[in-house]
Protein backbone atom coordinates (compact mmCIF):
# COMPACT_ATOMS: atom_id res chain seq x y z
CA MET A 1 133.82 62.58 25.45
CA GLU A 2 131.91 59.65 23.99
CA THR A 3 129.98 60.25 20.75
CA LEU A 4 126.59 58.58 21.02
CA LEU A 5 124.93 59.74 17.80
CA GLU A 6 125.88 61.55 14.63
CA LEU A 7 123.12 62.25 12.15
CA THR A 8 123.68 64.06 8.85
CA MET A 9 120.72 64.99 6.67
CA SER A 10 119.41 67.52 4.19
CA PRO A 11 118.41 70.81 5.85
CA VAL A 12 114.69 70.56 5.17
CA PRO A 13 111.94 71.10 7.77
CA GLU A 14 110.35 67.75 6.98
CA LEU A 15 113.35 65.92 8.49
CA VAL A 16 113.46 67.80 11.81
CA GLY A 17 111.13 65.21 13.34
CA MET A 18 113.66 62.49 12.56
CA ALA A 19 116.40 64.39 14.40
CA ARG A 20 114.09 64.97 17.37
CA LEU A 21 113.19 61.29 17.56
CA ALA A 22 116.80 60.08 17.27
CA VAL A 23 118.03 62.41 20.02
CA SER A 24 115.08 61.59 22.27
CA LEU A 25 115.89 57.87 21.99
CA VAL A 26 119.48 58.57 23.05
CA ALA A 27 118.27 60.74 25.95
CA TYR A 28 115.88 58.02 27.04
CA ARG A 29 118.74 55.49 27.09
CA MET A 30 120.72 57.94 29.22
CA ASN A 31 118.08 57.50 31.98
CA TYR A 32 116.48 60.94 31.72
CA SER A 33 112.91 61.18 32.97
CA CYS A 34 110.11 61.32 30.40
CA ALA A 35 109.66 65.06 31.09
CA ASP A 36 113.38 65.70 30.55
CA VAL A 37 113.35 63.68 27.32
CA GLU A 38 110.45 65.81 26.06
CA ASP A 39 112.33 69.01 26.96
CA ILE A 40 115.42 67.80 25.10
CA GLU A 41 113.29 66.79 22.10
CA VAL A 42 111.69 70.24 21.90
CA ALA A 43 115.10 71.94 22.21
CA VAL A 44 116.53 69.84 19.38
CA GLY A 45 113.55 70.67 17.18
CA GLU A 46 113.95 74.39 17.86
CA ALA A 47 117.71 74.29 17.22
CA CYS A 48 117.22 72.42 13.93
CA ALA A 49 114.46 74.78 12.83
CA ASP A 50 116.63 77.80 13.67
CA ALA A 51 119.61 76.41 11.78
CA ILE A 52 117.47 75.71 8.73
CA ALA A 53 115.66 79.07 8.86
CA TYR A 54 118.87 81.01 9.41
CA GLY A 55 120.66 79.63 6.40
CA HIS A 56 117.84 78.79 4.01
CA ARG A 57 118.52 81.66 1.58
CA VAL A 58 122.17 80.86 1.09
CA MET A 59 122.44 77.08 1.44
CA ALA A 60 124.00 75.23 -1.46
CA ALA A 61 122.37 72.21 -3.05
CA ASP A 62 124.73 69.96 -1.09
CA ALA A 63 124.10 71.69 2.26
CA THR A 64 123.77 69.52 5.35
CA LEU A 65 122.28 69.64 8.79
CA ARG A 66 124.29 67.64 11.31
CA VAL A 67 123.15 66.64 14.79
CA ARG A 68 125.70 65.15 17.18
CA CYS A 69 125.16 63.86 20.71
CA SER A 70 127.94 63.07 23.14
CA ALA A 71 128.34 62.48 26.84
CA GLY A 72 131.19 63.15 29.22
CA SER A 73 132.19 65.18 32.26
CA GLY A 74 128.68 64.84 33.65
CA LEU A 75 127.06 66.47 30.59
CA PHE A 76 124.88 65.35 27.69
CA ILE A 77 125.92 67.59 24.79
CA ILE A 78 123.97 68.16 21.58
CA VAL A 79 125.45 70.11 18.69
CA VAL A 80 123.32 71.16 15.71
CA GLU A 81 125.36 72.40 12.73
CA ALA A 82 124.10 73.77 9.44
CA SER A 83 126.48 74.18 6.54
CA GLY A 84 126.05 77.21 4.34
CA ARG A 85 127.20 80.73 3.82
CA ALA A 86 124.65 82.63 5.91
CA CYS A 87 127.45 83.94 8.15
CA ASP A 88 129.11 85.52 5.11
CA GLU A 89 126.29 88.04 4.70
CA PRO A 90 127.58 91.39 6.02
CA GLN A 91 124.25 92.42 7.56
CA ARG A 92 124.22 89.23 9.66
CA ARG A 93 127.84 89.19 10.76
CA HIS A 94 127.36 91.92 13.33
CA GLN A 95 124.09 90.49 14.59
CA GLY A 96 125.37 87.06 15.52
CA PRO A 97 123.53 83.92 14.59
CA PHE A 98 120.10 85.34 15.32
CA PRO A 99 118.69 88.83 14.79
CA SER A 100 117.43 89.14 18.36
CA GLU A 101 118.17 87.60 21.72
CA HIS A 102 114.49 87.87 22.56
CA THR A 103 113.12 85.38 20.07
CA LEU A 104 110.83 82.64 21.31
CA SER A 105 113.26 80.04 20.02
CA ARG A 106 116.13 81.33 22.15
CA PHE A 107 113.84 81.49 25.15
CA VAL A 108 112.84 77.84 24.63
CA LEU A 109 116.44 76.68 24.26
CA ASP A 110 117.56 78.59 27.34
CA ALA A 111 114.60 77.24 29.35
CA PHE A 112 115.05 73.58 28.42
CA MET A 113 118.85 73.23 28.36
CA ASP A 114 121.44 74.08 31.02
CA THR A 115 123.76 75.89 28.61
CA VAL A 116 123.33 77.10 25.04
CA ALA A 117 126.06 78.57 22.83
CA TYR A 118 125.72 79.92 19.29
CA ARG A 119 128.54 80.12 16.77
CA CYS A 120 128.52 81.60 13.31
CA THR A 121 131.65 81.06 11.22
CA PRO A 122 131.98 82.74 7.80
CA GLY A 123 132.32 80.08 5.13
CA ASN A 124 131.35 77.23 7.46
CA GLY A 125 127.80 77.99 8.56
CA MET A 126 126.44 78.07 12.05
CA SER A 127 126.14 75.79 15.04
CA ILE A 128 124.18 75.62 18.26
CA ARG A 129 125.75 73.73 21.18
CA MET A 130 123.42 72.72 23.98
CA ALA A 131 124.28 70.88 27.18
CA ARG A 132 122.29 69.36 29.99
CA ALA A 133 123.54 67.70 33.16
CA LEU A 134 123.34 63.92 33.10
CA PRO A 135 120.72 62.43 35.41
CA ALA A 136 121.88 61.56 38.93
CA ASP A 137 121.59 57.83 38.25
CA ASN A 138 123.85 58.19 35.20
CA PRO A 139 126.91 60.11 36.45
CA THR A 140 128.99 59.74 33.26
CA GLN A 141 128.98 56.10 32.49
CA THR A 142 126.24 53.63 31.59
CA THR A 143 125.95 54.84 28.04
CA THR A 144 126.27 51.37 26.57
CA PHE A 145 123.53 50.76 24.05
CA ALA A 146 124.00 47.02 23.68
CA THR A 147 121.34 44.99 25.40
CA ALA A 148 121.75 41.47 26.58
CA SER A 149 119.46 38.87 25.11
CA PRO A 150 117.11 37.22 27.58
CA PRO A 151 118.07 33.66 28.46
CA ARG A 152 116.65 31.08 26.11
CA PRO A 153 114.21 28.67 27.64
CA THR A 154 115.31 25.10 27.70
CA TRP A 155 112.77 22.57 26.54
CA LYS A 156 112.68 19.24 28.18
CA SER A 157 110.94 16.28 26.63
């Protein structure tokens, strides 16, 4: 599994756009279509917003929101993790990471990504793992982000 991006930031709604943009740039470089990139971008925004909303009451001053992208085994995997102690609250432990499976956010994530998994760990916060199949023209390789410089013109006098 090759890590393509790891972004750590404060869990504030104003920074969700930065996470969306960073992941969409990675998805674009993975040869997804424009429509697929937009779907992935919306899913990342929803996952970040959920992670922030879920833990906002119990996040410490040094809380973080981490977004990681990796590729391997034919999948593009995005993990959104929020530190905090929201999973320690007894009334939330039995409910899982979200109060209802019928929220619009869960519907959006399930619609735009191939697989979605939620994990809530007492003392460590929560995470959302999303995966989408790599495009057909990018089976598992071609994730190199270095670009070759165009040849320099030679000037003749």
